[in-house]
């Protein structure tokens, strides 16, 4: 049996991944974690054969978790799982020592294949990601796992957002509507719309698409 651990801050995502992996009789999910620090704590208690970790998590990002774990034990096997196919994330994952990189729309067959290959000591990057890596090499990029990378880029900026604005931004990012946010916070829809306008102004974005991309790229919430 291949012992796998899952780290993702969304319970429903972890549930789906667990169902996919454990449908394979050779894979067993031994524990789950919802943030970066919990991941490190559980790794210290029981190390899996393969850790599947989301790039974007509270407390510590998946990249920071990967960096810390690989510094302590380079043999630990880690697969990054994310919605990002951006070259910056891919190359940072490689620089921090990730053994694999999968997108969240990866199908069941590829997911299980990746876990098994990484467990056997190989690297696995999905097709789209492989193209990103090749293009980086051609463009003079350096995905050297020993390269020094500035961790400051991983630290979220707050852009002067208030505590309430950060709370609302997180709900917006999670796909919650203005009406639902208003009900959740016991505020009027008009108040939420005002907060939303102020958030977009502070982040210097013009629409919701730009807002979500900036939140993802800079891990603001």
Protein backbone atom coordinates (compact mmCIF):
# COMPACT_ATOMS: atom_id res chain seq x y z
CA UNK A 1 0.00 0.00 0.00
CA UNK A 2 1.15 3.52 -0.78
CA UNK A 3 0.47 5.75 2.22
CA UNK A 4 -0.67 9.20 1.10
CA UNK A 5 -1.40 12.36 3.11
CA UNK A 6 -3.55 15.25 1.85
CA UNK A 7 -3.13 18.92 2.73
CA UNK A 8 -5.76 21.36 1.45
CA UNK A 9 -7.77 24.01 3.27
CA UNK A 10 -11.03 23.04 1.57
CA UNK A 11 -12.69 20.00 3.16
CA UNK A 12 -14.79 19.22 0.09
CA UNK A 13 -11.66 19.19 -2.08
CA UNK A 14 -9.88 16.83 0.32
CA UNK A 15 -12.92 14.55 0.33
CA UNK A 16 -12.98 14.38 -3.47
CA UNK A 17 -9.26 13.68 -3.73
CA UNK A 18 -9.46 11.00 -1.06
CA UNK A 19 -12.29 9.26 -2.91
CA UNK A 20 -10.28 9.33 -6.14
CA UNK A 21 -7.10 7.98 -4.55
CA UNK A 22 -8.67 5.32 -2.35
CA UNK A 23 -10.60 3.95 -5.29
CA UNK A 24 -7.22 2.47 -6.18
CA UNK A 25 -6.60 -0.60 -3.97
CA UNK A 26 -2.88 0.22 -3.81
CA UNK A 27 -3.36 3.65 -2.19
CA UNK A 28 -4.39 4.51 1.36
CA UNK A 29 -4.95 8.07 2.64
CA UNK A 30 -3.60 8.00 6.21
CA UNK A 31 -4.36 11.59 7.27
CA UNK A 32 -5.53 15.01 6.14
CA UNK A 33 -4.53 18.57 7.08
CA UNK A 34 -6.27 21.90 6.50
CA UNK A 35 -3.34 24.32 6.78
CA UNK A 36 0.43 24.47 6.45
CA UNK A 37 1.30 24.28 10.13
CA UNK A 38 -0.99 21.31 10.72
CA UNK A 39 0.71 19.61 7.79
CA UNK A 40 4.15 20.02 9.37
CA UNK A 41 2.85 18.82 12.75
CA UNK A 42 1.29 15.69 11.26
CA UNK A 43 4.34 14.98 9.11
CA UNK A 44 6.41 14.90 12.30
CA UNK A 45 3.99 12.38 13.83
CA UNK A 46 3.49 10.08 10.83
CA UNK A 47 5.26 10.55 7.53
CA UNK A 48 3.40 9.23 4.45
CA UNK A 49 5.03 7.78 1.37
CA UNK A 50 3.69 10.73 -0.64
CA UNK A 51 2.36 14.09 0.53
CA UNK A 52 -0.15 15.81 -1.77
CA UNK A 53 -0.22 19.49 -0.84
CA UNK A 54 -2.13 22.49 -2.15
CA UNK A 55 -0.01 25.53 -2.98
CA UNK A 56 -2.42 27.99 -1.37
CA UNK A 57 -3.11 27.27 2.33
CA UNK A 58 -3.47 29.29 5.55
CA UNK A 59 -0.58 29.85 7.99
CA UNK A 60 2.04 28.35 5.68
CA UNK A 61 1.70 27.98 1.93
CA UNK A 62 2.28 24.67 0.20
CA UNK A 63 5.51 26.09 -1.17
CA UNK A 64 6.73 26.99 2.31
CA UNK A 65 5.75 23.56 3.61
CA UNK A 66 7.63 21.91 0.75
CA UNK A 67 10.71 24.03 1.35
CA UNK A 68 10.79 23.24 5.08
CA UNK A 69 10.20 19.53 4.64
CA UNK A 70 12.79 19.16 1.88
CA UNK A 71 15.39 21.06 3.94
CA UNK A 72 14.90 18.61 6.81
CA UNK A 73 14.63 15.49 4.65
CA UNK A 74 15.32 15.72 0.90
CA UNK A 75 13.97 12.18 0.43
CA UNK A 76 10.39 13.13 1.37
CA UNK A 77 8.14 12.86 -1.67
CA UNK A 78 5.78 15.77 -2.38
CA UNK A 79 3.22 16.40 -5.12
CA UNK A 80 1.90 19.94 -5.51
CA UNK A 81 -1.80 20.17 -6.33
CA UNK A 82 -3.24 23.46 -7.52
CA UNK A 83 -5.41 25.27 -10.03
CA UNK A 84 -2.36 27.29 -11.16
CA UNK A 85 -0.50 26.50 -14.37
CA UNK A 86 1.40 29.78 -14.09
CA UNK A 87 5.12 29.31 -14.77
CA UNK A 88 6.09 31.19 -11.60
CA UNK A 89 4.32 28.67 -9.38
CA UNK A 90 5.62 25.71 -11.37
CA UNK A 91 9.24 26.83 -11.23
CA UNK A 92 9.08 27.80 -7.57
CA UNK A 93 7.71 24.35 -6.80
CA UNK A 94 10.65 22.79 -8.61
CA UNK A 95 13.10 25.10 -6.90
CA UNK A 96 11.73 24.09 -3.52
CA UNK A 97 12.07 20.42 -4.42
CA UNK A 98 8.57 19.25 -5.35
CA UNK A 99 8.52 15.83 -7.00
CA UNK A 100 5.31 16.41 -8.91
CA UNK A 101 2.89 19.13 -9.97
CA UNK A 102 -0.75 18.46 -10.81
CA UNK A 103 -3.65 20.72 -11.67
CA UNK A 104 -6.94 20.26 -9.81
CA UNK A 105 -8.73 19.37 -13.03
CA UNK A 106 -6.45 16.36 -13.43
CA UNK A 107 -8.41 13.19 -14.14
CA UNK A 108 -8.46 10.17 -11.86
CA UNK A 109 -6.13 8.06 -14.00
CA UNK A 110 -3.43 10.71 -14.18
CA UNK A 111 -3.72 11.51 -10.46
CA UNK A 112 -3.15 7.92 -9.37
CA UNK A 113 -0.40 7.48 -11.95
CA UNK A 114 1.40 10.56 -10.61
CA UNK A 115 1.25 9.34 -7.00
CA UNK A 116 2.63 5.93 -7.97
CA UNK A 117 5.45 7.34 -10.08
CA UNK A 118 6.49 9.81 -7.41
CA UNK A 119 6.37 7.04 -4.81
CA UNK A 120 8.73 5.00 -6.99
CA UNK A 121 11.25 7.84 -7.00
CA UNK A 122 10.35 9.47 -10.31
CA UNK A 123 9.15 12.99 -11.07
CA UNK A 124 5.74 13.74 -12.52
CA UNK A 125 4.49 16.96 -14.09
CA UNK A 126 1.25 16.98 -16.06
CA UNK A 127 1.34 17.71 -19.78
CA UNK A 128 0.53 21.41 -19.56
CA UNK A 129 3.08 21.85 -16.79
CA UNK A 130 5.76 20.03 -18.78
CA UNK A 131 5.27 22.59 -21.54
CA UNK A 132 5.79 25.40 -19.03
CA UNK A 133 9.02 23.81 -17.82
CA UNK A 134 10.34 23.37 -21.36
CA UNK A 135 9.51 26.96 -22.23
CA UNK A 136 11.34 28.14 -19.13
CA UNK A 137 14.46 26.26 -20.15
CA UNK A 138 14.27 27.71 -23.65
CA UNK A 139 13.80 31.17 -22.16
CA UNK A 140 16.81 30.84 -19.90
CA UNK A 141 14.88 29.94 -16.73
CA UNK A 142 16.59 28.01 -13.95
CA UNK A 143 14.39 25.45 -12.22
CA UNK A 144 17.39 24.20 -10.22
CA UNK A 145 16.07 22.71 -6.99
CA UNK A 146 19.13 24.06 -5.19
CA UNK A 147 18.64 27.60 -6.44
CA UNK A 148 18.13 30.24 -3.78
CA UNK A 149 14.66 31.71 -3.94
CA UNK A 150 13.45 34.80 -2.14
CA UNK A 151 10.69 33.77 0.24
CA UNK A 152 9.43 37.34 0.49
CA UNK A 153 7.32 36.72 -2.61
CA UNK A 154 5.35 34.18 -0.62
CA UNK A 155 4.30 36.63 2.05
CA UNK A 156 0.85 38.02 1.44
CA UNK A 157 0.44 41.77 1.23
CA UNK A 158 -2.58 43.28 2.90
CA UNK A 159 -2.88 46.43 0.71
CA UNK A 160 -4.22 48.32 3.70
CA UNK A 161 -7.27 46.06 3.92
CA UNK A 162 -9.19 46.21 7.16
CA UNK A 163 -10.03 43.03 9.08
CA UNK A 164 -13.60 43.22 7.78
CA UNK A 165 -12.44 43.73 4.19
CA UNK A 166 -10.15 40.71 4.45
CA UNK A 167 -13.06 38.67 5.75
CA UNK A 168 -15.28 39.77 2.88
CA UNK A 169 -12.51 39.25 0.32
CA UNK A 170 -12.07 35.66 1.51
CA UNK A 171 -15.81 35.07 1.07
CA UNK A 172 -15.74 36.65 -2.40
CA UNK A 173 -12.80 34.44 -3.33
CA UNK A 174 -14.72 31.38 -2.12
CA UNK A 175 -17.53 32.27 -4.52
CA UNK A 176 -20.03 33.57 -1.98
CA UNK A 177 -22.52 36.11 -3.40
CA UNK A 178 -23.04 39.62 -2.01
CA UNK A 179 -26.45 38.59 -0.69
CA UNK A 180 -25.05 35.53 1.07
CA UNK A 181 -22.18 37.57 2.54
CA UNK A 182 -24.67 40.13 3.81
CA UNK A 183 -26.72 37.42 5.49
CA UNK A 184 -23.63 35.79 6.95
CA UNK A 185 -22.34 39.06 8.44
CA UNK A 186 -25.79 40.42 9.26
CA UNK A 187 -25.21 43.49 7.08
CA UNK A 188 -27.11 45.03 4.20
CA UNK A 189 -26.28 44.10 0.62
CA UNK A 190 -25.51 47.78 -0.01
CA UNK A 191 -22.88 47.71 2.76
CA UNK A 192 -21.25 44.64 1.25
CA UNK A 193 -21.23 46.25 -2.20
CA UNK A 194 -19.47 49.28 -0.71
CA UNK A 195 -16.87 47.06 0.93
CA UNK A 196 -16.39 45.23 -2.35
CA UNK A 197 -15.85 48.48 -4.21
CA UNK A 198 -13.27 49.61 -1.64
CA UNK A 199 -11.47 46.27 -1.79
CA UNK A 200 -11.16 46.44 -5.58
CA UNK A 201 -9.94 50.02 -5.35
CA UNK A 202 -7.24 49.13 -2.82
CA UNK A 203 -6.12 46.15 -4.88
CA UNK A 204 -6.15 48.31 -8.04
CA UNK A 205 -8.29 45.90 -10.07
CA UNK A 206 -11.17 46.70 -12.42
CA UNK A 207 -13.30 43.57 -12.29
CA UNK A 208 -13.89 40.34 -10.39
CA UNK A 209 -11.68 38.31 -12.75
CA UNK A 210 -8.70 40.59 -12.09
CA UNK A 211 -9.50 40.50 -8.38
CA UNK A 212 -9.50 36.71 -8.17
CA UNK A 213 -6.31 36.42 -10.20
CA UNK A 214 -4.54 38.92 -7.94
CA UNK A 215 -5.71 37.14 -4.80
CA UNK A 216 -4.41 33.84 -6.18
CA UNK A 217 -1.14 35.25 -7.49
CA UNK A 218 -0.24 37.16 -4.33
CA UNK A 219 -2.01 34.92 -1.82
CA UNK A 220 -3.69 37.90 -0.20
CA UNK A 221 -6.20 35.89 1.85
